[in-house]
Amino acid sequence: MLASLIEVIVIIALIGLALRSTLRIVSQGSVGVIERLGRFHHEAMPGLVVKLPLVDNLRFVSTKSVTVTLSPEPVITADNVSPVIDAYFLYQVVDAKSYLYEIQNPELAIKNIVSSTLRSEVGQRKLAEVMTHREQINAALRNELDEITGPWGIRIVQASIRQVDLTDEMQKAMEAQKKADANKLAAIEQAQGLKEASILQAEGARQAAIAQAQGEQQATVLRADAAKQARILQAEAESIAIRKLAEAQADATQVVNRAILVLGEDDSHAWHQEKMNVVLRLKSLETLSAVGQSPSTKLVLPGEVTGLAGLLGALSTQNSQEQE
């Protein structure tokens, strides 16, 4: 009876071992790699996996993201400063076959690549650029790692500089540099302000000069127009005065002419040389009056006109003698 029980237990154990070596479970977040007689056969997705006992070998590969922190190490910048940089990276297996058969100890290899790439990127920049352009360094670091680790079945999720530590001496030097930069910026802003003020002042002076010149030009034009109008009015007044004088002289001539003609037609007085001279003078005055009334003719007074007063006096004397 005891022997039969032992046999049953042994059979159950063998069956359990056979099932365990035949049926395996691949957990979520992992990939199973089946090796048959030491060679890659196929990949097994998460779930129940069946393999041949004593022929197939199952290896598990995690597909979860893995964070790896690098030890802080000094790096020399382009301006010969040695800050201590603390960096980290995240990677994920995307091809289990390449991860198992293309690289041995991939984590150590990635650490070495990150360290060398970080030294190269930081060595090309000054300390101020390293402090202010971390994103550029991180992007270059990630691209470099992706290119190298791609054939290994590894994808670099993130690679970043976590912290940049400086010694007390370097911090004091940076503070002095910041102060110098601030003073330089203030001086530049002050010079720029003075420059803009000078430009505005010059522009204002130019505008004022232009306005003054335009005002003087307008004043000159107005004075010239006023002088022109004054000359025109003066000429019109002189023309009117000359015309009135000519009309008055014509009226006086006509009056004298009628008086002389009346004397000439008087038969009681004989014609003599003085009367004939008077008649000729009257005729010349009539002609002069007709010429002076034309608006397009300048009035020219001959010397005989000056004898008009003497003529009127002679007529008055003759009339007095005839009355006696």
Protein backbone atom coordinates (compact mmCIF):
# COMPACT_ATOMS: atom_id res chain seq x y z
CA MET A 1 0.00 0.00 0.00
CA LEU A 2 2.78 2.40 0.87
CA ALA A 3 4.66 1.51 -2.27
CA SER A 4 1.59 2.25 -4.38
CA LEU A 5 1.18 5.63 -2.71
CA ILE A 6 4.80 6.51 -3.38
CA GLU A 7 4.39 5.53 -7.01
CA VAL A 8 1.32 7.76 -7.35
CA ILE A 9 3.17 10.67 -5.79
CA VAL A 10 6.12 10.17 -8.10
CA ILE A 11 3.85 10.01 -11.15
CA ILE A 12 2.05 13.19 -10.11
CA ALA A 13 5.40 14.93 -9.59
CA LEU A 14 6.62 13.86 -12.99
CA ILE A 15 3.40 15.04 -14.58
CA GLY A 16 3.76 18.35 -12.76
CA LEU A 17 7.32 18.74 -13.91
CA ALA A 18 6.33 17.83 -17.45
CA LEU A 19 3.48 20.35 -17.42
CA ARG A 20 5.73 23.02 -15.91
CA SER A 21 8.35 22.47 -18.56
CA THR A 22 5.72 22.43 -21.29
CA LEU A 23 3.29 25.18 -20.21
CA ARG A 24 4.65 28.62 -19.17
CA ILE A 25 2.99 32.01 -18.60
CA VAL A 26 4.46 35.23 -19.95
CA SER A 27 3.43 38.23 -17.82
CA GLN A 28 2.14 41.52 -19.18
CA GLY A 29 5.03 43.95 -19.79
CA SER A 30 7.33 41.14 -20.88
CA VAL A 31 8.13 39.19 -24.02
CA GLY A 32 9.13 35.52 -24.13
CA VAL A 33 11.89 34.34 -26.44
CA ILE A 34 11.76 30.62 -27.34
CA GLU A 35 15.14 29.02 -28.04
CA ARG A 36 15.04 25.57 -29.60
CA LEU A 37 18.23 23.56 -29.23
CA GLY A 38 20.10 26.79 -28.40
CA ARG A 39 18.87 28.77 -31.42
CA PHE A 40 16.23 31.52 -31.63
CA HIS A 41 12.90 30.06 -32.66
CA HIS A 42 10.19 32.71 -32.07
CA GLU A 43 8.90 35.37 -29.69
CA ALA A 44 6.02 34.64 -27.34
CA MET A 45 3.53 37.39 -26.46
CA PRO A 46 2.12 37.75 -22.90
CA GLY A 47 -0.11 34.80 -21.93
CA LEU A 48 0.14 30.99 -21.92
CA VAL A 49 3.07 29.58 -23.87
CA VAL A 50 3.60 25.96 -24.89
CA LYS A 51 7.14 24.69 -25.39
CA LEU A 52 8.74 21.33 -25.91
CA PRO A 53 10.31 19.84 -22.80
CA LEU A 54 14.06 19.39 -22.85
CA VAL A 55 14.16 21.00 -26.35
CA ASP A 56 12.91 24.54 -25.97
CA ASN A 57 14.21 27.17 -23.58
CA LEU A 58 12.12 30.19 -22.61
CA ARG A 59 13.83 33.54 -21.79
CA PHE A 60 11.93 36.53 -20.49
CA VAL A 61 12.67 40.09 -21.66
CA SER A 62 11.01 43.09 -19.95
CA THR A 63 9.49 45.72 -22.26
CA LYS A 64 8.99 48.26 -19.47
CA SER A 65 10.91 51.54 -19.42
CA VAL A 66 14.02 51.38 -17.29
CA THR A 67 15.58 54.42 -15.56
CA VAL A 68 19.34 54.50 -15.21
CA THR A 69 21.11 57.25 -13.23
CA LEU A 70 24.70 58.16 -14.00
CA SER A 71 27.14 58.97 -11.28
CA PRO A 72 27.98 62.70 -11.08
CA GLU A 73 31.19 63.42 -12.95
CA PRO A 74 33.13 66.59 -13.84
CA VAL A 75 32.98 67.80 -17.43
CA ILE A 76 35.18 70.48 -19.01
CA THR A 77 33.34 73.23 -20.92
CA ALA A 78 34.63 75.32 -23.82
CA ASP A 79 35.71 78.12 -21.44
CA ASN A 80 37.75 75.67 -19.28
CA VAL A 81 35.23 75.41 -16.44
CA SER A 82 34.69 72.02 -14.79
CA PRO A 83 31.11 71.68 -13.51
CA VAL A 84 29.87 68.40 -12.05
CA ILE A 85 26.96 67.09 -14.14
CA ASP A 86 24.38 64.63 -12.93
CA ALA A 87 22.43 62.95 -15.77
CA TYR A 88 20.02 60.07 -16.28
CA PHE A 89 18.35 58.22 -19.15
CA LEU A 90 15.29 56.00 -19.75
CA TYR A 91 15.33 53.15 -22.23
CA GLN A 92 12.83 50.53 -23.39
CA VAL A 93 13.29 47.23 -25.23
CA VAL A 94 11.36 47.20 -28.50
CA ASP A 95 13.00 44.15 -30.12
CA ALA A 96 13.66 41.24 -27.72
CA LYS A 97 15.67 39.22 -30.25
CA SER A 98 18.13 42.06 -30.96
CA TYR A 99 18.32 42.89 -27.28
CA LEU A 100 19.36 39.32 -26.39
CA TYR A 101 21.69 38.52 -29.28
CA GLU A 102 23.17 41.86 -30.51
CA ILE A 103 24.63 43.33 -27.32
CA GLN A 104 26.00 42.02 -24.05
CA ASN A 105 25.34 44.10 -20.94
CA PRO A 106 23.46 46.86 -22.86
CA GLU A 107 22.95 49.01 -19.74
CA LEU A 108 26.68 49.40 -19.21
CA ALA A 109 27.16 50.18 -22.89
CA ILE A 110 24.46 52.89 -22.75
CA LYS A 111 26.08 54.43 -19.66
CA ASN A 112 29.42 54.69 -21.45
CA ILE A 113 27.77 56.21 -24.53
CA VAL A 114 25.88 58.77 -22.43
CA SER A 115 29.07 59.75 -20.60
CA SER A 116 31.12 60.23 -23.79
CA THR A 117 28.30 62.03 -25.64
CA LEU A 118 27.71 64.32 -22.67
CA ARG A 119 31.40 65.25 -22.54
CA SER A 120 31.40 65.97 -26.26
CA GLU A 121 28.27 68.14 -26.20
CA VAL A 122 29.25 70.10 -23.09
CA GLY A 123 32.83 70.55 -24.32
CA GLN A 124 31.53 72.46 -27.34
CA ARG A 125 29.70 75.04 -25.23
CA LYS A 126 30.56 77.61 -22.60
CA LEU A 127 29.29 77.27 -19.06
CA ALA A 128 26.58 79.91 -19.56
CA GLU A 129 25.28 78.01 -22.59
CA VAL A 130 25.30 74.74 -20.66
CA MET A 131 23.20 76.36 -17.93
CA THR A 132 20.70 77.98 -20.31
CA HIS A 133 20.57 75.50 -23.22
CA ARG A 134 20.01 72.20 -21.48
CA GLU A 135 17.18 71.24 -23.82
CA GLN A 136 19.49 71.41 -26.82
CA ILE A 137 22.05 69.23 -25.07
CA ASN A 138 19.34 66.77 -24.04
CA ALA A 139 17.98 66.55 -27.60
CA ALA A 140 21.47 65.97 -29.04
CA LEU A 141 22.14 63.34 -26.39
CA ARG A 142 18.87 61.51 -27.12
CA ASN A 143 19.41 61.54 -30.88
CA GLU A 144 22.94 60.21 -30.51
CA LEU A 145 21.77 57.38 -28.24
CA ASP A 146 18.84 56.46 -30.51
CA GLU A 147 21.14 56.13 -33.49
CA ILE A 148 23.53 53.83 -31.63
CA THR A 149 21.05 51.71 -29.66
CA GLY A 150 18.58 51.19 -32.50
CA PRO A 151 20.29 48.03 -33.81
CA TRP A 152 20.26 46.65 -30.25
CA GLY A 153 16.45 46.68 -30.12
CA ILE A 154 16.51 49.53 -27.56
CA ARG A 155 14.65 52.83 -27.78
CA ILE A 156 15.87 55.78 -25.71
CA VAL A 157 12.79 57.30 -24.10
CA GLN A 158 14.57 60.24 -22.47
CA ALA A 159 18.09 61.42 -21.74
CA SER A 160 18.50 64.56 -19.64
CA ILE A 161 20.88 66.53 -17.51
CA ARG A 162 19.36 66.53 -14.06
CA GLN A 163 21.69 68.91 -12.25
CA VAL A 164 24.82 71.00 -12.82
CA ASP A 165 26.83 71.65 -9.67
CA LEU A 166 29.50 74.33 -9.35
CA THR A 167 32.17 74.93 -6.77
CA ASP A 168 32.03 78.01 -4.52
CA GLU A 169 34.82 79.65 -6.52
CA MET A 170 32.97 79.12 -9.80
CA GLN A 171 29.74 80.44 -8.30
CA LYS A 172 31.50 83.63 -7.20
CA ALA A 173 33.00 84.01 -10.65
CA MET A 174 29.56 83.54 -12.22
CA GLU A 175 28.06 86.16 -9.91
CA ALA A 176 30.83 88.58 -10.88
CA GLN A 177 30.18 87.82 -14.54
CA LYS A 178 26.45 88.41 -14.08
CA LYS A 179 27.17 91.74 -12.41
CA ALA A 180 29.50 92.75 -15.23
CA ASP A 181 26.91 91.71 -17.80
CA ALA A 182 24.23 93.72 -15.97
CA ASN A 183 26.47 96.81 -15.91
CA LYS A 184 27.24 96.33 -19.58
CA LEU A 185 23.56 96.01 -20.42
CA ALA A 186 22.75 99.13 -18.38
CA ALA A 187 25.48 101.08 -20.19
CA ILE A 188 24.21 99.88 -23.56
CA GLU A 189 20.64 100.86 -22.68
CA GLN A 190 21.80 104.28 -21.47
CA ALA A 191 23.80 104.83 -24.67
CA GLN A 192 20.84 103.69 -26.73
CA GLY A 193 18.58 106.11 -24.87
CA LEU A 194 21.00 109.01 -25.44
CA LYS A 195 21.22 108.06 -29.11
CA GLU A 196 17.46 108.00 -29.52
CA ALA A 197 17.13 111.30 -27.64
CA SER A 198 19.73 112.92 -29.93
CA ILE A 199 17.95 111.57 -32.99
CA LEU A 200 14.60 112.88 -31.76
CA GLN A 201 16.14 116.27 -30.91
CA ALA A 202 17.75 116.53 -34.35
CA GLU A 203 14.51 115.51 -36.00
CA GLY A 204 12.62 118.13 -33.99
CA ALA A 205 15.13 120.82 -34.98
CA ARG A 206 14.83 119.77 -38.61
CA GLN A 207 11.05 119.91 -38.49
CA ALA A 208 11.19 123.32 -36.79
CA ALA A 209 13.58 124.65 -39.46
CA ILE A 210 11.34 123.32 -42.21
CA ALA A 211 8.28 124.90 -40.60
CA GLN A 212 10.10 128.21 -40.18
CA ALA A 213 11.27 128.18 -43.80
CA GLN A 214 7.76 127.38 -44.99
CA GLY A 215 6.37 130.20 -42.84
CA GLU A 216 8.89 132.67 -44.22
CA GLN A 217 8.14 131.52 -47.76
CA GLN A 218 4.40 131.99 -47.23
CA ALA A 219 5.00 135.41 -45.65
CA THR A 220 7.15 136.44 -48.63
CA VAL A 221 4.46 135.29 -51.05
CA LEU A 222 1.80 137.18 -49.10
CA ARG A 223 3.93 140.37 -49.02
CA ALA A 224 4.58 140.07 -52.75
CA ASP A 225 0.85 139.60 -53.39
CA ALA A 226 0.05 142.60 -51.19
CA ALA A 227 2.64 144.78 -52.99
CA LYS A 228 1.28 143.60 -56.34
CA GLN A 229 -2.29 144.45 -55.34
CA ALA A 230 -1.12 147.85 -54.02
CA ARG A 231 0.65 148.62 -57.30
CA ILE A 232 -2.43 147.55 -59.26
CA LEU A 233 -4.70 149.75 -57.13
CA GLN A 234 -2.26 152.67 -57.40
CA ALA A 235 -2.09 152.29 -61.19
CA GLU A 236 -5.88 152.13 -61.40
CA ALA A 237 -6.15 155.27 -59.24
CA GLU A 238 -3.61 157.13 -61.39
CA SER A 239 -5.46 156.00 -64.52
CA ILE A 240 -8.74 157.27 -63.11
CA ALA A 241 -7.13 160.57 -62.10
CA ILE A 242 -5.62 161.08 -65.57
CA ARG A 243 -8.93 160.20 -67.19
CA LYS A 244 -10.79 162.69 -64.98
CA LEU A 245 -8.19 165.40 -65.76
CA ALA A 246 -8.52 164.73 -69.49
CA GLU A 247 -12.30 164.88 -69.27
CA ALA A 248 -12.13 168.19 -67.37
CA GLN A 249 -9.69 169.62 -69.92
CA ALA A 250 -11.93 168.45 -72.76
CA ASP A 251 -14.94 170.12 -71.14
CA ALA A 252 -12.99 173.36 -70.66
CA THR A 253 -11.79 173.24 -74.27
CA GLN A 254 -15.30 172.77 -75.55
CA VAL A 255 -16.52 175.75 -73.50
CA VAL A 256 -13.72 177.99 -74.76
CA ASN A 257 -14.17 176.72 -78.30
CA ARG A 258 -17.83 177.60 -78.32
CA ALA A 259 -17.05 181.05 -76.99
CA ILE A 260 -14.39 181.66 -79.67
CA LEU A 261 -16.68 180.40 -82.41
CA VAL A 262 -19.35 182.78 -81.25
CA LEU A 263 -16.85 185.65 -81.49
CA GLY A 264 -15.71 184.42 -84.90
CA GLU A 265 -19.23 184.42 -86.25
CA ASP A 266 -19.84 187.93 -85.06
CA ASP A 267 -19.72 190.09 -88.19
CA SER A 268 -19.16 193.22 -86.20
CA HIS A 269 -15.56 192.21 -85.60
CA ALA A 270 -13.12 191.79 -88.41
CA TRP A 271 -10.87 188.67 -88.62
CA HIS A 272 -7.32 189.41 -87.76
CA GLN A 273 -4.17 187.41 -87.06
CA GLU A 274 -4.70 187.07 -83.33
CA LYS A 275 -8.19 185.64 -83.82
CA MET A 276 -6.88 183.09 -86.31
CA ASN A 277 -4.23 181.97 -83.82
CA VAL A 278 -6.86 181.53 -81.18
CA VAL A 279 -9.01 179.40 -83.47
CA LEU A 280 -6.03 177.16 -84.36
CA ARG A 281 -5.23 176.69 -80.70
CA LEU A 282 -8.82 175.68 -80.01
CA LYS A 283 -8.76 173.08 -82.79
CA SER A 284 -5.55 171.58 -81.43
CA LEU A 285 -7.12 171.36 -78.00
CA GLU A 286 -10.13 169.51 -79.43
CA THR A 287 -7.83 166.98 -81.07
CA LEU A 288 -5.85 166.56 -77.82
CA SER A 289 -9.09 166.00 -75.90
CA ALA A 290 -10.24 163.26 -78.30
CA VAL A 291 -6.89 161.48 -78.03
CA GLY A 292 -6.88 161.64 -74.20
CA GLN A 293 -10.33 160.01 -73.93
CA SER A 294 -9.02 156.71 -75.46
CA PRO A 295 -8.28 154.12 -72.63
CA SER A 296 -5.40 152.58 -74.62
CA THR A 297 -3.59 155.88 -75.31
CA LYS A 298 -1.22 157.73 -73.05
CA LEU A 299 -2.02 161.44 -72.69
CA VAL A 300 0.75 163.75 -73.90
CA LEU A 301 0.21 167.48 -73.30
CA PRO A 302 1.95 169.79 -75.82
CA GLY A 303 3.37 173.14 -74.94
CA GLU A 304 0.37 174.98 -76.35
CA VAL A 305 -1.81 173.69 -73.52
CA THR A 306 0.17 175.78 -71.10
CA GLY A 307 -1.08 178.82 -72.99
CA LEU A 308 -4.69 178.00 -72.22
CA ALA A 309 -4.72 180.35 -69.30
CA GLY A 310 -3.29 183.13 -71.49
CA LEU A 311 -5.92 182.41 -74.13
CA LEU A 312 -8.72 182.68 -71.60
CA GLY A 313 -7.20 185.95 -70.38
CA ALA A 314 -7.05 187.37 -73.95
CA LEU A 315 -10.69 186.47 -74.54
CA SER A 316 -11.68 188.21 -71.33
CA THR A 317 -9.76 191.36 -72.38
CA GLN A 318 -11.33 191.39 -75.84
CA ASN A 319 -14.81 191.03 -74.42
CA SER A 320 -14.13 193.97 -72.10
CA GLN A 321 -12.99 196.18 -75.01
CA GLU A 322 -16.04 195.30 -77.12
CA GLN A 323 -18.33 196.18 -74.25
CA GLU A 324 -16.69 199.58 -73.96
